[in-house]
Amino acid sequence: MSEAEEARIIVGGKEYTYPVITGTENEKAIDTRSLRTDSGYITFDEGYGNTGSCESAITFINGEKGVLRHRGIPIEQLAEKSTFLCVAFLIIYGKLPTQKELDSFRAKVAGAANLHEDFKHHFEGFPPNSAPMAVLSSMLNSLGSYYPEMSSNNREQDLEHFDLTAALLISKVRTIAAMTYRMSNGLPFNYPRKDLRYVENFLHMMFTEPYDAYQPQAEVSEALDLFLLLHADHEQNCSTSTVRMVASGGANLFASVSAGVCALWGPLHGGANAAVIKMLEEIHASGDDGRQDPLLDIARTLEKAALEDEYFIERKLYPNVDFYSGIVLKAIGIPVEMFTVMFAIGRMPGWIANWKEIAESSQRIHRPRQVYVGPRQRDYVAIEDRT
């Protein structure tokens, strides 16, 4: 091995040599997996910002250069030429589907949209003002109870049912989301329709009223499909790495994606697009803009500033997908409190694909180390002697 292909760590007067791993996009990583065994030391990397937790063949991101590729295919090409379900297939199975494969995948998703009638009782157990992400996480975990053969925590058995489980989750997550919205607004639930495509069916379940069927405009459906496509997978972010962490312990797919929802719920992760709307509304309330579509006008002004102002350019601060997606969702009629749920619907294929990578590998359970900074050993003090 040449000098360029290894790294040396000198600690405690001893030198340890470790190989360098090179990814297909030429990213470099020092393989320190045996460091603790060799030396008794661990690396300290709070937040894992410099730590590679896995090798993955799903998604490549270079945020500084604005690069996002799924299985090697640029997001720009996928956004222009593909659909959410087609990209979901690509992410999960590693290749673009043939027409026959895509038709079969769509049919599985369409056929799995309905929920067991007993699920209505689960919704009745939540207060109407419950946080939608709390409902979604609970429901996804409960869903596994209705499919014990798919949620056995027996890795071999769960993988045998993987194709149907994946289609089922991609389908039912939007049904649960729509029912959560209807519940919070005191509206009757709408049954899914097999004659509608993925996004149209979701919008129907969300917005159809008795004797007044919702008919989405093509532009609305296309915009929402693109939103889901753009969120399908973003590499090892907080929620995806959470899914992999849970999966590494042998947990089934339902439990793992439910944990992903909980991680996504946090405002530092999934709440970014809602924060954009809040920011724009605050700017509008302060009297910044008085035109007919104030939030969109303000957003365009901020976008122009970010793309042209030296302060933003020097620091590489540009509007990202969260900046635009919040405006799109609000225009469609999705309430702000449902934004993170929409994110979860889009991210489901990525979570599923990452669970599959873990399930099909021989990776050991994920177990990060820590640097303990608490009290040293001390004796127990009886309650009467405590001060």
Protein backbone atom coordinates (compact mmCIF):
# COMPACT_ATOMS: atom_id res chain seq x y z
CA MET A 1 0.00 0.00 0.00
CA SER A 2 1.44 3.39 -1.01
CA GLU A 3 1.74 6.38 1.31
CA ALA A 4 -1.21 8.07 -0.42
CA GLU A 5 -3.48 5.17 0.46
CA GLU A 6 -2.96 5.12 4.22
CA ALA A 7 -3.15 7.39 7.24
CA ARG A 8 -0.98 7.35 10.35
CA ILE A 9 -2.19 8.20 13.83
CA ILE A 10 0.44 8.76 16.53
CA VAL A 11 -0.92 8.63 20.06
CA GLY A 12 0.68 7.68 23.38
CA GLY A 13 4.05 7.43 21.67
CA LYS A 14 2.84 4.72 19.30
CA GLU A 15 2.04 4.90 15.60
CA TYR A 16 -0.96 3.19 14.05
CA THR A 17 -1.59 2.87 10.33
CA TYR A 18 -5.06 2.78 8.77
CA PRO A 19 -6.21 2.38 5.17
CA VAL A 20 -7.93 5.12 3.21
CA ILE A 21 -11.25 4.27 1.58
CA THR A 22 -12.10 6.05 -1.68
CA GLY A 23 -15.71 6.31 -2.83
CA THR A 24 -16.87 6.25 -6.43
CA GLU A 25 -17.10 10.06 -6.43
CA ASN A 26 -13.52 10.25 -5.05
CA GLU A 27 -14.53 11.06 -1.45
CA LYS A 28 -11.84 9.99 0.99
CA ALA A 29 -12.32 8.33 4.38
CA ILE A 30 -9.83 7.03 6.94
CA ASP A 31 -10.92 3.55 7.99
CA THR A 32 -10.50 3.67 11.78
CA ARG A 33 -12.75 0.74 12.59
CA SER A 34 -9.98 -1.03 14.51
CA LEU A 35 -8.65 2.09 16.28
CA ARG A 36 -10.24 1.33 19.67
CA THR A 37 -9.09 -2.30 19.59
CA ASP A 38 -5.58 -1.30 18.52
CA SER A 39 -5.00 1.64 20.83
CA GLY A 40 -7.80 1.98 23.37
CA TYR A 41 -8.66 5.39 21.88
CA ILE A 42 -11.78 6.50 20.03
CA THR A 43 -12.28 9.50 17.76
CA PHE A 44 -14.43 12.34 19.07
CA ASP A 45 -16.72 13.91 16.47
CA GLU A 46 -19.72 15.59 18.07
CA GLY A 47 -22.68 15.46 15.69
CA TYR A 48 -20.83 13.03 13.38
CA GLY A 49 -20.07 15.82 10.91
CA ASN A 50 -16.74 14.20 9.97
CA THR A 51 -17.74 10.59 10.48
CA GLY A 52 -18.81 8.16 7.80
CA SER A 53 -21.31 5.80 9.39
CA CYS A 54 -21.72 3.48 6.43
CA GLU A 55 -20.96 2.69 2.82
CA SER A 56 -24.07 3.27 0.71
CA ALA A 57 -24.85 2.97 -2.99
CA ILE A 58 -28.11 4.96 -2.93
CA THR A 59 -27.48 8.71 -3.03
CA PHE A 60 -24.55 11.06 -3.53
CA ILE A 61 -24.70 14.67 -2.32
CA ASN A 62 -22.24 17.51 -2.57
CA GLY A 63 -24.06 20.44 -1.04
CA GLU A 64 -21.31 22.95 -1.75
CA LYS A 65 -21.50 22.22 -5.47
CA GLY A 66 -25.27 21.70 -5.58
CA VAL A 67 -24.98 18.04 -6.58
CA LEU A 68 -27.65 15.43 -5.83
CA ARG A 69 -27.64 12.08 -7.64
CA HIS A 70 -29.73 8.98 -7.04
CA ARG A 71 -27.95 5.79 -8.10
CA GLY A 72 -25.70 8.03 -10.21
CA ILE A 73 -28.47 9.90 -12.05
CA PRO A 74 -28.54 13.71 -11.53
CA ILE A 75 -31.61 15.09 -9.81
CA GLU A 76 -32.03 17.63 -12.63
CA GLN A 77 -32.64 14.83 -15.12
CA LEU A 78 -34.98 13.00 -12.79
CA ALA A 79 -36.96 16.16 -12.03
CA GLU A 80 -37.38 16.90 -15.73
CA LYS A 81 -38.08 13.41 -17.06
CA SER A 82 -39.34 11.23 -14.24
CA THR A 83 -42.03 10.95 -11.56
CA PHE A 84 -42.01 10.35 -7.83
CA LEU A 85 -42.94 6.66 -8.06
CA CYS A 86 -40.37 6.05 -10.80
CA VAL A 87 -37.67 7.68 -8.66
CA ALA A 88 -38.88 5.69 -5.64
CA PHE A 89 -38.31 2.48 -7.62
CA LEU A 90 -34.86 3.69 -8.68
CA ILE A 91 -33.83 4.53 -5.12
CA ILE A 92 -35.15 1.30 -3.63
CA TYR A 93 -34.09 -1.18 -6.32
CA GLY A 94 -31.03 0.51 -7.82
CA LYS A 95 -32.19 0.93 -11.40
CA LEU A 96 -34.75 2.74 -13.49
CA PRO A 97 -37.78 0.49 -13.98
CA THR A 98 -38.91 -0.87 -17.31
CA GLN A 99 -42.46 0.03 -18.26
CA LYS A 100 -43.62 -3.40 -17.09
CA GLU A 101 -41.82 -3.01 -13.76
CA LEU A 102 -43.18 0.49 -13.25
CA ASP A 103 -46.73 -0.60 -14.06
CA SER A 104 -46.42 -3.46 -11.58
CA PHE A 105 -45.01 -1.15 -8.89
CA ARG A 106 -47.77 1.40 -9.46
CA ALA A 107 -50.38 -1.34 -9.23
CA LYS A 108 -48.98 -2.57 -5.91
CA VAL A 109 -48.98 0.97 -4.52
CA ALA A 110 -52.50 1.68 -5.78
CA GLY A 111 -53.83 -1.59 -4.39
CA ALA A 112 -52.40 -0.95 -0.93
CA ALA A 113 -53.88 2.51 -0.33
CA ASN A 114 -56.79 1.56 1.89
CA LEU A 115 -56.50 1.13 5.65
CA HIS A 116 -58.15 -1.54 7.77
CA GLU A 117 -61.46 -0.24 9.12
CA ASP A 118 -60.20 -0.66 12.68
CA PHE A 119 -57.73 2.11 12.02
CA LYS A 120 -60.53 4.62 12.45
CA HIS A 121 -60.56 3.71 16.14
CA HIS A 122 -56.87 4.56 16.38
CA PHE A 123 -57.57 8.05 15.08
CA GLU A 124 -60.42 8.46 17.55
CA GLY A 125 -57.90 8.00 20.37
CA PHE A 126 -56.07 11.21 19.47
CA PRO A 127 -57.23 14.71 20.42
CA PRO A 128 -58.25 16.70 17.32
CA ASN A 129 -55.38 19.14 17.86
CA SER A 130 -52.71 16.45 18.02
CA ALA A 131 -49.44 17.17 16.22
CA PRO A 132 -49.70 15.47 12.78
CA MET A 133 -46.21 13.99 13.06
CA ALA A 134 -47.10 12.36 16.39
CA VAL A 135 -50.10 10.74 14.74
CA LEU A 136 -48.11 9.68 11.68
CA SER A 137 -45.33 8.05 13.70
CA SER A 138 -47.80 6.19 15.92
CA MET A 139 -49.88 5.01 12.99
CA LEU A 140 -46.92 3.74 10.98
CA ASN A 141 -45.72 1.71 13.93
CA SER A 142 -49.25 0.41 14.58
CA LEU A 143 -49.55 -0.51 10.90
CA GLY A 144 -47.05 -3.31 11.38
CA SER A 145 -49.47 -4.99 13.79
CA TYR A 146 -51.89 -5.54 10.90
CA TYR A 147 -49.16 -7.25 8.86
CA PRO A 148 -47.32 -9.53 11.33
CA GLU A 149 -45.74 -11.52 8.52
CA MET A 150 -44.03 -8.33 7.31
CA SER A 151 -43.01 -7.05 10.75
CA SER A 152 -41.64 -10.17 12.40
CA ASN A 153 -38.19 -8.74 13.28
CA ASN A 154 -36.89 -11.89 11.64
CA ARG A 155 -34.60 -10.39 9.04
CA GLU A 156 -34.94 -13.23 6.55
CA GLN A 157 -38.74 -13.29 6.78
CA ASP A 158 -39.10 -9.51 6.58
CA LEU A 159 -36.91 -9.45 3.46
CA GLU A 160 -39.07 -12.14 1.84
CA HIS A 161 -42.02 -9.73 2.06
CA PHE A 162 -39.97 -6.61 1.29
CA ASP A 163 -41.46 -5.75 -2.13
CA LEU A 164 -45.02 -5.70 -0.83
CA THR A 165 -44.04 -3.94 2.40
CA ALA A 166 -42.25 -1.18 0.50
CA ALA A 167 -45.23 -0.55 -1.80
CA LEU A 168 -47.60 -0.73 1.15
CA LEU A 169 -45.73 1.92 3.15
CA ILE A 170 -45.34 4.29 0.20
CA SER A 171 -49.07 3.98 -0.39
CA LYS A 172 -50.44 4.04 3.14
CA VAL A 173 -48.28 6.89 4.43
CA ARG A 174 -50.28 9.33 2.29
CA THR A 175 -53.59 7.73 3.39
CA ILE A 176 -52.61 8.16 7.04
CA ALA A 177 -51.50 11.73 6.34
CA ALA A 178 -54.80 12.59 4.66
CA MET A 179 -56.83 11.00 7.45
CA THR A 180 -54.80 12.95 10.02
CA TYR A 181 -55.68 16.19 8.23
CA ARG A 182 -59.37 15.23 8.05
CA MET A 183 -59.43 14.25 11.73
CA SER A 184 -57.87 17.53 12.86
CA ASN A 185 -60.49 19.47 10.93
CA GLY A 186 -63.49 17.39 12.04
CA LEU A 187 -64.10 16.11 8.52
CA PRO A 188 -65.21 12.64 7.38
CA PHE A 189 -62.52 10.34 6.02
CA ASN A 190 -62.31 9.78 2.28
CA TYR A 191 -61.59 6.34 0.85
CA PRO A 192 -58.81 6.12 -1.74
CA ARG A 193 -59.64 5.58 -5.40
CA LYS A 194 -57.85 3.09 -7.63
CA ASP A 195 -58.51 5.15 -10.75
CA LEU A 196 -56.36 8.07 -9.55
CA ARG A 197 -52.58 8.38 -9.76
CA TYR A 198 -50.47 8.67 -6.61
CA VAL A 199 -50.59 12.43 -6.04
CA GLU A 200 -54.14 12.90 -7.34
CA ASN A 201 -55.35 10.18 -4.97
CA PHE A 202 -53.68 11.90 -2.03
CA LEU A 203 -55.25 15.26 -2.92
CA HIS A 204 -58.64 13.55 -3.27
CA MET A 205 -58.30 11.99 0.19
CA MET A 206 -57.27 15.36 1.60
CA PHE A 207 -59.75 17.73 0.00
CA THR A 208 -62.82 15.93 -1.39
CA GLU A 209 -66.02 16.93 0.41
CA PRO A 210 -69.41 15.15 0.33
CA TYR A 211 -71.08 15.89 -3.01
CA ASP A 212 -68.08 17.99 -4.08
CA ALA A 213 -65.25 15.86 -5.48
CA TYR A 214 -61.87 17.56 -5.55
CA GLN A 215 -60.45 17.85 -9.05
CA PRO A 216 -56.81 18.97 -8.91
CA GLN A 217 -55.41 21.00 -11.77
CA ALA A 218 -52.59 19.32 -13.68
CA GLU A 219 -50.16 22.01 -12.54
CA VAL A 220 -50.99 21.30 -8.89
CA SER A 221 -50.46 17.56 -9.25
CA GLU A 222 -47.21 18.06 -11.14
CA ALA A 223 -45.90 20.52 -8.54
CA LEU A 224 -46.68 18.18 -5.64
CA ASP A 225 -45.20 15.17 -7.45
CA LEU A 226 -42.03 17.20 -8.03
CA PHE A 227 -41.95 18.20 -4.36
CA LEU A 228 -42.08 14.54 -3.31
CA LEU A 229 -39.47 13.57 -5.91
CA LEU A 230 -37.04 16.25 -4.70
CA HIS A 231 -37.31 15.01 -1.10
CA ALA A 232 -37.05 11.28 -1.85
CA ASP A 233 -33.56 10.82 -0.38
CA HIS A 234 -30.83 13.16 0.82
CA GLU A 235 -28.15 10.75 2.03
CA GLN A 236 -27.27 10.26 5.74
CA ASN A 237 -29.29 13.07 7.31
CA CYS A 238 -30.75 12.94 10.82
CA SER A 239 -33.86 10.90 9.98
CA THR A 240 -32.23 8.53 7.49
CA SER A 241 -29.34 7.72 9.82
CA THR A 242 -31.97 7.15 12.54
CA VAL A 243 -33.73 4.61 10.31
CA ARG A 244 -30.42 2.83 9.73
CA MET A 245 -29.61 2.91 13.45
CA VAL A 246 -32.94 1.30 14.36
CA ALA A 247 -32.67 -1.19 11.49
CA SER A 248 -29.18 -2.22 12.58
CA GLY A 249 -30.72 -3.71 15.72
CA GLY A 250 -32.89 -5.98 13.59
CA ALA A 251 -36.09 -3.93 13.83
CA ASN A 252 -38.66 -4.35 11.06
CA LEU A 253 -39.35 -1.75 8.38
CA PHE A 254 -42.49 -0.34 10.04
CA ALA A 255 -40.67 0.36 13.31
CA SER A 256 -37.66 1.80 11.51
CA VAL A 257 -39.57 4.33 9.39
CA SER A 258 -41.67 5.28 12.40
CA ALA A 259 -38.43 6.24 14.14
CA GLY A 260 -37.48 8.21 11.02
CA VAL A 261 -40.68 10.24 11.36
CA CYS A 262 -39.79 11.09 14.97
CA ALA A 263 -36.33 12.29 13.90
CA LEU A 264 -37.78 14.30 11.02
CA TRP A 265 -40.26 15.98 13.35
CA GLY A 266 -37.56 18.19 14.87
CA PRO A 267 -37.54 21.81 13.67
CA LEU A 268 -33.84 21.66 12.81
CA HIS A 269 -34.53 18.89 10.29
CA GLY A 270 -38.02 18.57 8.86
CA GLY A 271 -39.40 21.92 9.97
CA ALA A 272 -37.30 24.08 7.66
CA ASN A 273 -39.96 24.67 4.99
CA ALA A 274 -42.52 25.61 7.65
CA ALA A 275 -39.98 28.02 9.11
CA VAL A 276 -39.70 29.68 5.69
CA ILE A 277 -43.45 30.39 5.63
CA LYS A 278 -43.32 31.70 9.19
CA MET A 279 -40.45 34.01 8.22
CA LEU A 280 -42.27 35.30 5.16
CA GLU A 281 -45.47 35.87 7.15
CA GLU A 282 -43.53 37.81 9.78
CA ILE A 283 -41.95 39.95 7.07
CA HIS A 284 -45.37 40.58 5.56
CA ALA A 285 -46.89 41.44 8.93
CA SER A 286 -44.14 43.99 9.49
CA GLY A 287 -45.43 45.91 6.46
CA ASP A 288 -42.77 44.88 3.96
CA ASP A 289 -45.21 44.09 1.13
CA GLY A 290 -48.81 44.82 0.33
CA ARG A 291 -49.38 43.19 -3.03
CA GLN A 292 -51.90 40.53 -4.00
CA ASP A 293 -49.63 37.53 -3.38
CA PRO A 294 -47.39 38.88 -0.63
CA LEU A 295 -45.53 35.74 0.42
CA LEU A 296 -44.56 34.86 -3.12
CA ASP A 297 -43.51 38.45 -3.81
CA ILE A 298 -41.39 38.58 -0.67
CA ALA A 299 -39.86 35.20 -1.50
CA ARG A 300 -38.88 36.41 -4.96
CA THR A 301 -37.29 39.51 -3.44
CA LEU A 302 -35.31 37.41 -0.96
CA GLU A 303 -34.31 34.99 -3.70
CA LYS A 304 -32.99 37.86 -5.83
CA ALA A 305 -31.02 39.22 -2.89
CA ALA A 306 -29.54 35.83 -2.06
CA LEU A 307 -28.46 35.21 -5.65
CA GLU A 308 -26.95 38.66 -6.19
CA ASP A 309 -25.82 40.05 -2.84
CA GLU A 310 -22.09 39.67 -2.11
CA TYR A 311 -22.76 38.71 1.52
CA PHE A 312 -24.75 35.63 0.44
CA ILE A 313 -22.47 34.78 -2.48
CA GLU A 314 -19.25 34.89 -0.43
CA ARG A 315 -20.73 32.59 2.21
CA LYS A 316 -22.41 30.32 -0.34
CA LEU A 317 -25.84 30.98 1.20
CA TYR A 318 -28.43 30.22 -1.45
CA PRO A 319 -32.16 29.43 -1.33
CA ASN A 320 -32.54 25.64 -1.11
CA VAL A 321 -35.44 23.27 -1.73
CA ASP A 322 -36.98 24.13 1.67
CA PHE A 323 -37.18 27.79 0.69
CA TYR A 324 -39.34 27.06 -2.35
CA SER A 325 -41.25 23.99 -1.19
CA GLY A 326 -43.02 25.77 1.66
CA ILE A 327 -44.42 28.32 -0.76
CA VAL A 328 -45.57 25.57 -3.15
CA LEU A 329 -47.31 23.59 -0.39
CA LYS A 330 -49.08 26.66 0.93
CA ALA A 331 -50.28 27.53 -2.58
CA ILE A 332 -51.73 24.02 -2.99
CA GLY A 333 -53.70 24.40 0.25
CA ILE A 334 -51.58 22.23 2.54
CA PRO A 335 -51.66 23.79 6.04
CA VAL A 336 -48.31 24.66 7.60
CA GLU A 337 -48.72 22.12 10.39
CA MET A 338 -48.79 19.39 7.69
CA PHE A 339 -45.58 20.47 5.95
CA THR A 340 -43.33 18.03 7.80
CA VAL A 341 -45.79 15.22 7.13
CA MET A 342 -45.47 16.01 3.42
CA PHE A 343 -41.71 15.80 3.81
CA ALA A 344 -42.14 12.34 5.39
CA ILE A 345 -44.26 11.13 2.46
CA GLY A 346 -41.52 12.21 0.06
CA ARG A 347 -38.70 10.75 2.16
CA MET A 348 -40.32 7.32 2.56
CA PRO A 349 -38.52 5.73 -0.45
CA GLY A 350 -35.15 6.83 0.91
CA TRP A 351 -35.88 5.40 4.35
CA ILE A 352 -37.03 2.14 2.78
CA ALA A 353 -33.92 1.88 0.59
CA ASN A 354 -31.60 2.52 3.53
CA TRP A 355 -33.41 -0.10 5.64
CA LYS A 356 -32.95 -2.54 2.77
CA GLU A 357 -29.21 -1.85 2.60
CA ILE A 358 -28.87 -2.59 6.30
CA ALA A 359 -31.12 -5.66 6.18
CA GLU A 360 -29.21 -7.20 3.28
CA SER A 361 -25.79 -6.57 4.80
CA SER A 362 -23.85 -8.22 7.60
CA GLN A 363 -23.23 -4.93 9.42
CA ARG A 364 -23.13 -5.14 13.17
CA ILE A 365 -25.51 -3.16 15.35
CA HIS A 366 -24.72 0.56 15.38
CA ARG A 367 -23.23 1.52 18.72
CA PRO A 368 -21.54 4.95 18.94
CA ARG A 369 -19.05 5.53 21.74
CA GLN A 370 -18.82 8.52 24.06
CA VAL A 371 -16.33 10.48 26.13
CA TYR A 372 -17.66 10.34 29.69
CA VAL A 373 -17.33 13.66 31.56
CA GLY A 374 -19.47 12.92 34.64
CA PRO A 375 -18.36 12.34 38.27
CA ARG A 376 -15.70 9.77 38.99
CA GLN A 377 -16.52 6.73 41.15
CA ARG A 378 -18.08 7.70 44.46
CA ASP A 379 -19.95 5.92 47.22
CA TYR A 380 -23.68 5.81 47.81
CA VAL A 381 -24.85 8.18 50.58
CA ALA A 382 -27.79 7.23 52.81
CA ILE A 383 -30.72 9.62 52.58
CA GLU A 384 -30.37 10.82 56.18
CA ASP A 385 -26.75 11.83 55.50
CA ARG A 386 -27.38 13.78 52.32
CA THR A 387 -27.08 17.56 52.29
